[in-house]
C-alpha atoms as a PDB file:
ATOM      1  CA  MET A   1    -140.272-149.921 -72.078  1.00  0.00           C
ATOM      2  CA  ARG A   2    -136.844-152.042 -73.125  1.00  0.00           C
ATOM      3  CA  THR A   3    -133.313-152.440 -71.480  1.00  0.00           C
ATOM      4  CA  ASN A   4    -130.723-153.742 -73.226  1.00  0.00           C
ATOM      5  CA  GLY A   5    -127.139-155.961 -72.674  1.00  0.00           C
ATOM      6  CA  TRP A   6    -125.418-158.712 -72.670  1.00  0.00           C
ATOM      7  CA  VAL A   7    -125.683-161.174 -69.740  1.00  0.00           C
ATOM      8  CA  LEU A   8    -124.863-165.422 -69.766  1.00  0.00           C
ATOM      9  CA  ILE A   9    -127.301-167.345 -68.473  1.00  0.00           C
ATOM     10  CA  GLY A  10    -126.706-170.578 -69.351  1.00  0.00           C
ATOM     11  CA  ARG A  11    -125.745-174.020 -71.720  1.00  0.00           C
ATOM     12  CA  ILE A  12    -127.375-176.269 -73.075  1.00  0.00           C
ATOM     13  CA  GLY A  13    -124.897-178.813 -74.688  1.00  0.00           C
ATOM     14  CA  ASN A  14    -122.566-176.418 -77.064  1.00  0.00           C
ATOM     15  CA  GLU A  15    -124.816-173.595 -77.148  1.00  0.00           C
ATOM     16  CA  TYR A  16    -124.519-170.927 -75.181  1.00  0.00           C
ATOM     17  CA  TYR A  17    -127.999-168.639 -74.428  1.00  0.00           C
ATOM     18  CA  PHE A  18    -127.348-164.664 -73.715  1.00  0.00           C
ATOM     19  CA  VAL A  19    -129.926-161.820 -72.896  1.00  0.00           C
ATOM     20  CA  ASP A  20    -129.581-159.241 -74.608  1.00  0.00           C
ATOM     21  CA  SER A  21    -132.753-156.839 -73.337  1.00  0.00           C
ATOM     22  CA  VAL A  22    -136.246-157.062 -70.839  1.00  0.00           C
ATOM     23  CA  PHE A  23    -138.921-155.346 -71.896  1.00  0.00           C
ATOM     24  CA  GLU A  24    -142.644-153.575 -70.747  1.00  0.00           C
ATOM     25  CA  HIS A  25    -144.703-152.487 -73.377  1.00  0.00           C
ATOM     26  CA  ARG A  26    -148.828-151.514 -72.911  1.00  0.00           C
ATOM     27  CA  ASP A  27    -150.917-154.492 -72.107  1.00  0.00           C
ATOM     28  CA  ASP A  28    -148.725-155.825 -69.567  1.00  0.00           C
ATOM     29  CA  PHE A  29    -146.925-157.126 -72.277  1.00  0.00           C
ATOM     30  CA  LYS A  30    -143.130-157.991 -71.253  1.00  0.00           C
ATOM     31  CA  GLY A  31    -140.331-160.437 -70.935  1.00  0.00           C
ATOM     32  CA  ALA A  32    -137.036-161.381 -72.556  1.00  0.00           C
ATOM     33  CA  THR A  33    -135.474-161.318 -75.133  1.00  0.00           C
ATOM     34  CA  GLY A  34    -132.031-163.350 -76.035  1.00  0.00           C
ATOM     35  CA  THR A  35    -129.063-165.063 -78.638  1.00  0.00           C
ATOM     36  CA  ILE A  36    -128.249-168.764 -78.859  1.00  0.00           C
ATOM     37  CA  LEU A  37    -124.412-168.538 -79.881  1.00  0.00           C
ATOM     38  CA  ARG A  38    -122.154-171.751 -79.862  1.00  0.00           C
ATOM     39  CA  PRO A  39    -118.162-171.906 -80.226  1.00  0.00           C
ATOM     40  CA  VAL A  40    -116.444-172.478 -83.365  1.00  0.00           C
ATOM     41  CA  SER A  41    -113.855-175.139 -82.795  1.00  0.00           C
ATOM     42  CA  ALA A  42    -110.504-175.390 -84.728  1.00  0.00           C
ATOM     43  CA  GLU A  43    -111.696-178.241 -85.975  1.00  0.00           C
ATOM     44  CA  GLU A  44    -114.493-176.957 -87.617  1.00  0.00           C
ATOM     45  CA  TRP A  45    -113.100-173.812 -88.813  1.00  0.00           C
ATOM     46  CA  GLU A  46    -110.331-176.195 -90.654  1.00  0.00           C
ATOM     47  CA  TRP A  47    -113.769-177.711 -92.716  1.00  0.00           C
ATOM     48  CA  ALA A  48    -115.282-174.124 -93.072  1.00  0.00           C
ATOM     49  CA  SER A  49    -111.563-172.874 -94.637  1.00  0.00           C
ATOM     50  CA  ASP A  50    -111.791-176.147 -97.507  1.00  0.00           C
ATOM     51  CA  ARG A  51    -112.585-174.582-101.101  1.00  0.00           C
ATOM     52  CA  GLU A  52    -114.605-177.049-101.543  1.00  0.00           C
ATOM     53  CA  ASN A  53    -117.037-176.903 -98.657  1.00  0.00           C
ATOM     54  CA  VAL A  54    -117.543-173.310 -99.236  1.00  0.00           C
ATOM     55  CA  ALA A  55    -117.912-173.991-102.827  1.00  0.00           C
ATOM     56  CA  GLU A  56    -120.730-176.108-101.958  1.00  0.00           C
ATOM     57  CA  ARG A  57    -122.200-173.459 -99.560  1.00  0.00           C
ATOM     58  CA  LEU A  58    -122.595-170.784-101.761  1.00  0.00           C
ATOM     59  CA  SER A  59    -123.918-172.779-105.162  1.00  0.00           C
ATOM     60  CA  ASP A  60    -127.300-171.877-104.411  1.00  0.00           C
ATOM     61  CA  TYR A  61    -126.594-168.098-104.113  1.00  0.00           C
ATOM     62  CA  TRP A  62    -124.554-168.355-107.402  1.00  0.00           C
ATOM     63  CA  TYR A  63    -127.500-169.781-109.603  1.00  0.00           C
ATOM     64  CA  CYS A  64    -129.291-167.400-107.857  1.00  0.00           C
ATOM     65  CA  LEU A  65    -127.368-165.011-109.680  1.00  0.00           C
ATOM     66  CA  ALA A  66    -126.815-166.404-112.941  1.00  0.00           C
ATOM     67  CA  LYS A  67    -131.053-166.861-113.490  1.00  0.00           C
ATOM     68  CA  ASP A  68    -131.482-163.224-112.081  1.00  0.00           C
ATOM     69  CA  GLN A  69    -128.231-161.854-114.317  1.00  0.00           C
ATOM     70  CA  ALA A  70    -128.091-164.135-117.505  1.00  0.00           C
ATOM     71  CA  SER A  71    -130.295-163.527-120.473  1.00  0.00           C
ATOM     72  CA  SER A  72    -132.253-166.392-123.072  1.00  0.00           C
ATOM     73  CA  ASP A  73    -131.011-164.156-125.509  1.00  0.00           C
ATOM     74  CA  CYS A  74    -127.869-164.430-125.106  1.00  0.00           C
ATOM     75  CA  PRO A  75    -125.490-166.235-127.562  1.00  0.00           C
ATOM     76  CA  ASP A  76    -123.163-167.515-125.436  1.00  0.00           C
ATOM     77  CA  CYS A  77    -125.593-169.135-122.251  1.00  0.00           C
ATOM     78  CA  LYS A  78    -128.784-168.766-123.981  1.00  0.00           C
ATOM     79  CA  GLY A  79    -129.561-168.367-119.788  1.00  0.00           C
ATOM     80  CA  TYR A  80    -127.784-170.942-118.828  1.00  0.00           C
ATOM     81  CA  PRO A  81    -124.023-170.341-117.666  1.00  0.00           C
ATOM     82  CA  ASP A  82    -122.102-172.571-117.038  1.00  0.00           C
ATOM     83  CA  PRO A  83    -120.855-172.603-113.142  1.00  0.00           C
ATOM     84  CA  ASP A  84    -117.266-173.236-114.381  1.00  0.00           C
ATOM     85  CA  GLU A  85    -117.175-170.397-116.973  1.00  0.00           C
ATOM     86  CA  GLY A  86    -120.417-168.056-115.669  1.00  0.00           C
ATOM     87  CA  CYS A  87    -121.088-165.779-118.809  1.00  0.00           C
ATOM     88  CA  GLU A  88    -119.312-162.674-119.372  1.00  0.00           C
ATOM     89  CA  ASN A  89    -121.631-161.503-121.874  1.00  0.00           C
ATOM     90  CA  CYS A  90    -124.189-161.783-119.329  1.00  0.00           C
ATOM     91  CA  GLY A  91    -121.638-159.929-116.064  1.00  0.00           C
ATOM     92  CA  VAL A  92    -122.521-163.931-114.760  1.00  0.00           C
ATOM     93  CA  GLN A  93    -118.874-164.818-112.978  1.00  0.00           C
ATOM     94  CA  SER A  94    -117.856-168.033-112.513  1.00  0.00           C
ATOM     95  CA  LEU A  95    -118.378-170.304-109.340  1.00  0.00           C
ATOM     96  CA  ASP A  96    -114.758-170.068-108.672  1.00  0.00           C
ATOM     97  CA  ASP A  97    -114.461-166.520-108.621  1.00  0.00           C
ATOM     98  CA  LEU A  98    -117.597-165.746-106.761  1.00  0.00           C
ATOM     99  CA  VAL A  99    -115.817-168.171-104.130  1.00  0.00           C
ATOM    100  CA  ASP A 100    -112.602-166.080-104.214  1.00  0.00           C
ATOM    101  CA  ASP A 101    -114.613-162.717-103.886  1.00  0.00           C
ATOM    102  CA  ALA A 102    -116.323-163.932-100.981  1.00  0.00           C
ATOM    103  CA  ILE A 103    -113.225-164.869 -99.127  1.00  0.00           C
ATOM    104  CA  ARG A 104    -111.662-162.235-100.291  1.00  0.00           C
ATOM    105  CA  TYR A 105    -113.946-159.179 -98.973  1.00  0.00           C
ATOM    106  CA  ASP A 106    -116.174-161.434 -96.426  1.00  0.00           C
ATOM    107  CA  GLY A 107    -114.037-163.831 -95.095  1.00  0.00           C
ATOM    108  CA  ILE A 108    -114.506-167.300 -93.818  1.00  0.00           C
ATOM    109  CA  GLY A 109    -116.494-166.641 -90.664  1.00  0.00           C
ATOM    110  CA  HIS A 110    -119.196-164.729 -92.423  1.00  0.00           C
ATOM    111  CA  ILE A 111    -119.310-167.150 -95.046  1.00  0.00           C
ATOM    112  CA  MET A 112    -119.550-169.912 -93.447  1.00  0.00           C
ATOM    113  CA  PHE A 113    -121.261-168.756 -89.996  1.00  0.00           C
ATOM    114  CA  ASP A 114    -123.604-166.846 -88.274  1.00  0.00           C
ATOM    115  CA  GLU A 115    -121.266-163.643 -86.937  1.00  0.00           C
ATOM    116  CA  SER A 116    -123.921-161.812 -85.214  1.00  0.00           C
ATOM    117  CA  ASN A 117    -123.129-160.668 -81.783  1.00  0.00           C
ATOM    118  CA  CYS A 118    -119.845-162.477 -82.577  1.00  0.00           C
ATOM    119  CA  CYS A 119    -117.646-159.656 -80.288  1.00  0.00           C
ATOM    120  CA  GLU A 120    -119.699-160.090 -77.370  1.00  0.00           C
ATOM    121  CA  GLY A 121    -119.940-163.793 -77.947  1.00  0.00           C
ATOM    122  CA  SER A 122    -115.971-164.316 -78.298  1.00  0.00           C
ATOM    123  CA  ASP A 123    -115.320-162.417 -75.219  1.00  0.00           C
ATOM    124  CA  SER A 124    -117.990-164.112 -72.922  1.00  0.00           C
ATOM    125  CA  PHE A 125    -115.889-167.329 -74.329  1.00  0.00           C
ATOM    126  CA  ASP A 126    -112.796-166.008 -73.407  1.00  0.00           C
ATOM    127  CA  GLU A 127    -113.666-165.463 -69.806  1.00  0.00           C
ATOM    128  CA  LEU A 128    -115.193-169.154 -70.011  1.00  0.00           C
ATOM    129  CA  GLY A 129    -111.201-170.492 -71.018  1.00  0.00           C
ATOM    130  CA  ILE A 130    -113.359-171.888 -74.277  1.00  0.00           C
ATOM    131  CA  GLU A 131    -111.082-172.260 -77.435  1.00  0.00           C
ATOM    132  CA  HIS A 132    -112.723-170.904 -80.564  1.00  0.00           C
ATOM    133  CA  GLU A 133    -112.170-169.524 -83.846  1.00  0.00           C
ATOM    134  CA  CYS A 134    -115.012-167.763 -83.938  1.00  0.00           C
ATOM    135  CA  THR A 135    -118.788-167.802 -82.813  1.00  0.00           C
ATOM    136  CA  ASP A 136    -122.124-169.432 -84.443  1.00  0.00           C
ATOM    137  CA  CYS A 137    -125.176-167.610 -84.165  1.00  0.00           C
ATOM    138  CA  ILE A 138    -128.051-170.338 -83.992  1.00  0.00           C
ATOM    139  CA  GLY A 139    -130.556-168.515 -82.378  1.00  0.00           C
ATOM    140  CA  GLY A 140    -132.232-165.724 -80.701  1.00  0.00           C
ATOM    141  CA  GLY A 141    -135.577-163.540 -79.555  1.00  0.00           C
ATOM    142  CA  ARG A 142    -138.037-165.362 -76.597  1.00  0.00           C
ATOM    143  CA  ILE A 143    -135.725-167.806 -75.616  1.00  0.00           C
ATOM    144  CA  PHE A 144    -136.443-167.320 -72.105  1.00  0.00           C
ATOM    145  CA  GLY A 145    -140.229-168.219 -71.694  1.00  0.00           C
ATOM    146  CA  ARG A 146    -142.374-171.189 -70.868  1.00  0.00           C
ATOM    147  CA  ASP A 147    -142.064-173.965 -73.513  1.00  0.00           C
ATOM    148  CA  ASN A 148    -144.590-172.599 -76.449  1.00  0.00           C
ATOM    149  CA  TYR A 149    -145.741-169.772 -73.757  1.00  0.00           C
ATOM    150  CA  LYS A 150    -148.181-172.330 -72.712  1.00  0.00           C
ATOM    151  CA  GLU A 151    -148.946-171.183 -68.658  1.00  0.00           C
ATOM    152  CA  GLY A 152    -147.735-174.336 -66.658  1.00  0.00           C
ATOM    153  CA  ALA A 153    -145.370-175.378 -69.443  1.00  0.00           C
ATOM    154  CA  PRO A 154    -141.607-175.687 -67.842  1.00  0.00           C
ATOM    155  CA  PHE A 155    -139.478-173.265 -68.458  1.00  0.00           C
ATOM    156  CA  ARG A 156    -136.415-174.418 -70.291  1.00  0.00           C
ATOM    157  CA  GLU A 157    -133.402-176.649 -68.759  1.00  0.00           C
ATOM    158  CA  PHE A 158    -129.827-175.951 -68.667  1.00  0.00           C
ATOM    159  CA  ASP A 159    -126.925-178.054 -68.124  1.00  0.00           C
ATOM    160  CA  GLU A 160    -125.078-175.167 -66.181  1.00  0.00           C
ATOM    161  CA  VAL A 161    -126.656-172.307 -65.218  1.00  0.00           C
ATOM    162  CA  TYR A 162    -124.191-169.027 -65.068  1.00  0.00           C
ATOM    163  CA  ASN A 163    -126.685-166.150 -63.388  1.00  0.00           C
ATOM    164  CA  ARG A 164    -129.161-168.207 -61.307  1.00  0.00           C
ATOM    165  CA  LYS A 165    -130.067-164.503 -60.122  1.00  0.00           C
ATOM    166  CA  ALA A 166    -130.914-162.904 -63.596  1.00  0.00           C
ATOM    167  CA  LEU A 167    -132.288-166.376 -64.894  1.00  0.00           C
ATOM    168  CA  VAL A 168    -134.785-166.681 -62.087  1.00  0.00           C
ATOM    169  CA  ALA A 169    -135.865-162.850 -62.897  1.00  0.00           C
ATOM    170  CA  ILE A 170    -136.112-163.215 -66.226  1.00  0.00           C
ATOM    171  CA  GLN A 171    -138.389-166.166 -65.575  1.00  0.00           C
ATOM    172  CA  ALA A 172    -140.548-164.200 -62.997  1.00  0.00           C
ATOM    173  CA  LEU A 173    -140.671-161.860 -65.966  1.00  0.00           C
ATOM    174  CA  GLU A 174    -141.972-163.979 -68.353  1.00  0.00           C
ATOM    175  CA  ASP A 175    -144.858-164.963 -65.954  1.00  0.00           C
ATOM    176  CA  LYS A 176    -145.470-161.432 -65.685  1.00  0.00           C
ATOM    177  CA  ALA A 177    -144.690-162.084 -61.700  1.00  0.00           C
ATOM    178  CA  VAL A 178    -142.553-159.266 -61.664  1.00  0.00           C
ATOM    179  CA  ASP A 179    -142.426-155.335 -62.334  1.00  0.00           C
ATOM    180  CA  TYR A 180    -140.160-155.245 -65.383  1.00  0.00           C
ATOM    181  CA  ARG A 181    -137.385-152.262 -63.388  1.00  0.00           C
ATOM    182  CA  TYR A 182    -137.141-155.079 -60.936  1.00  0.00           C
ATOM    183  CA  ALA A 183    -135.861-157.135 -63.351  1.00  0.00           C
ATOM    184  CA  ALA A 184    -133.563-154.799 -65.372  1.00  0.00           C
ATOM    185  CA  ARG A 185    -132.053-154.060 -62.305  1.00  0.00           C
ATOM    186  CA  ILE A 186    -131.573-157.927 -61.479  1.00  0.00           C
ATOM    187  CA  VAL A 187    -130.869-158.885 -65.099  1.00  0.00           C
ATOM    188  CA  PHE A 188    -128.554-156.256 -65.943  1.00  0.00           C
ATOM    189  CA  GLY A 189    -126.747-154.769 -62.541  1.00  0.00           C
ATOM    190  CA  LEU A 190    -128.842-151.504 -63.791  1.00  0.00           C
ATOM    191  CA  SER A 191    -128.040-148.518 -60.342  1.00  0.00           C
ATOM    192  CA  ASP A 192    -130.738-146.657 -59.163  1.00  0.00           C
ATOM    193  CA  ASP A 193    -129.389-143.638 -61.266  1.00  0.00           C
ATOM    194  CA  ALA A 194    -128.460-145.777 -64.251  1.00  0.00           C
ATOM    195  CA  TYR A 195    -132.029-146.167 -64.283  1.00  0.00           C
ATOM    196  CA  LEU A 196    -133.431-142.970 -63.330  1.00  0.00           C
ATOM    197  CA  CYS A 197    -131.099-141.598 -66.527  1.00  0.00           C
ATOM    198  CA  GLN A 198    -133.118-144.873 -68.737  1.00  0.00           C
ATOM    199  CA  LEU A 199    -136.212-143.723 -67.139  1.00  0.00           C
ATOM    200  CA  LYS A 200    -135.335-139.663 -68.732  1.00  0.00           C
ATOM    201  CA  ALA A 201    -134.400-140.510 -72.150  1.00  0.00           C
ATOM    202  CA  GLU A 202    -137.573-142.974 -72.583  1.00  0.00           C
ATOM    203  CA  ASN A 203    -139.221-140.381 -71.198  1.00  0.00           C
ATOM    204  CA  ASP A 204    -137.450-137.169 -73.222  1.00  0.00           C
ATOM    205  CA  ARG A 205    -138.276-139.921 -76.487  1.00  0.00           C
ATOM    206  CA  LEU A 206    -141.840-139.800 -75.611  1.00  0.00           C
ATOM    207  CA  VAL A 207    -142.425-136.613 -75.402  1.00  0.00           C
ATOM    208  CA  ALA A 208    -140.347-136.255 -78.923  1.00  0.00           C
ATOM    209  CA  ARG A 209    -142.788-137.745 -80.653  1.00  0.00           C
ATOM    210  CA  ALA A 210    -146.384-136.564 -78.588  1.00  0.00           C
ATOM    211  CA  GLU A 211    -144.469-132.838 -79.968  1.00  0.00           C
ATOM    212  CA  LYS A 212    -144.135-134.347 -83.527  1.00  0.00           C
ATOM    213  CA  LEU A 213    -147.472-135.186 -83.706  1.00  0.00           C
ATOM    214  CA  VAL A 214    -149.172-132.905 -82.397  1.00  0.00           C
ATOM    215  CA  ALA A 215    -147.101-130.312 -84.697  1.00  0.00           C
ATOM    216  CA  ALA A 216    -148.337-132.936 -87.643  1.00  0.00           C
ATOM    217  CA  LEU A 217    -151.680-132.400 -86.723  1.00  0.00           C
ATOM    218  CA  ASP A 218    -151.826-128.802 -86.768  1.00  0.00           C
ATOM    219  CA  ASP A 219    -150.730-128.616 -90.200  1.00  0.00           C
ATOM    220  CA  ASP A 220    -153.187-131.173 -91.215  1.00  0.00           C
ATOM    221  CA  SER A 221    -156.067-127.967 -89.544  1.00  0.00           C
ATOM    222  CA  ASP A 222    -154.643-125.428 -91.124  1.00  0.00           C
ATOM    223  CA  GLY A 223    -153.999-126.718 -95.007  1.00  0.00           C
END
């Protein structure tokens, strides 16, 4: 079972740690997952918007495209197109044109940063009064467990904790000291009614899967 949400837990330097799910599977495998975001300042955005920096970021991508598209039989580039010119015969655009298209269709944020969970992160930074041009995702997954997941190893230490109650519940869940249902209520503030609705949805999903498996077995036996 898994409960999803979005709660800011703590900060280390300029990196903000959000919990996005708590879970429990078979064999008592349970814990929490999260996302690490940092706010991108106006100064860094200005640097990222510089065309030369965008070209440098995309240069490796251009060479990969050129290698895949160019042909050694091409009379113009012989399989090695020039990044300044590309190769019209092979359909390889120049690096300059690639930069133009990327900025036009993808945008600076997508090219220069990882904008995963950007809407949720931006809302959280707005609530904290943190000025930012965009967000940059720099990590995620099982970010709240003990160091190297070794029993007795320390938990991550935060410079600032925004939700102590949720953090304690997450760490207790990671240590298998509390029930998943309890952690979900504490971390995401689920009411009993909301939790019961979630249980019903999960049960309906499992029943549907079981019925599908039974139907497949029946088809096999008929064949």
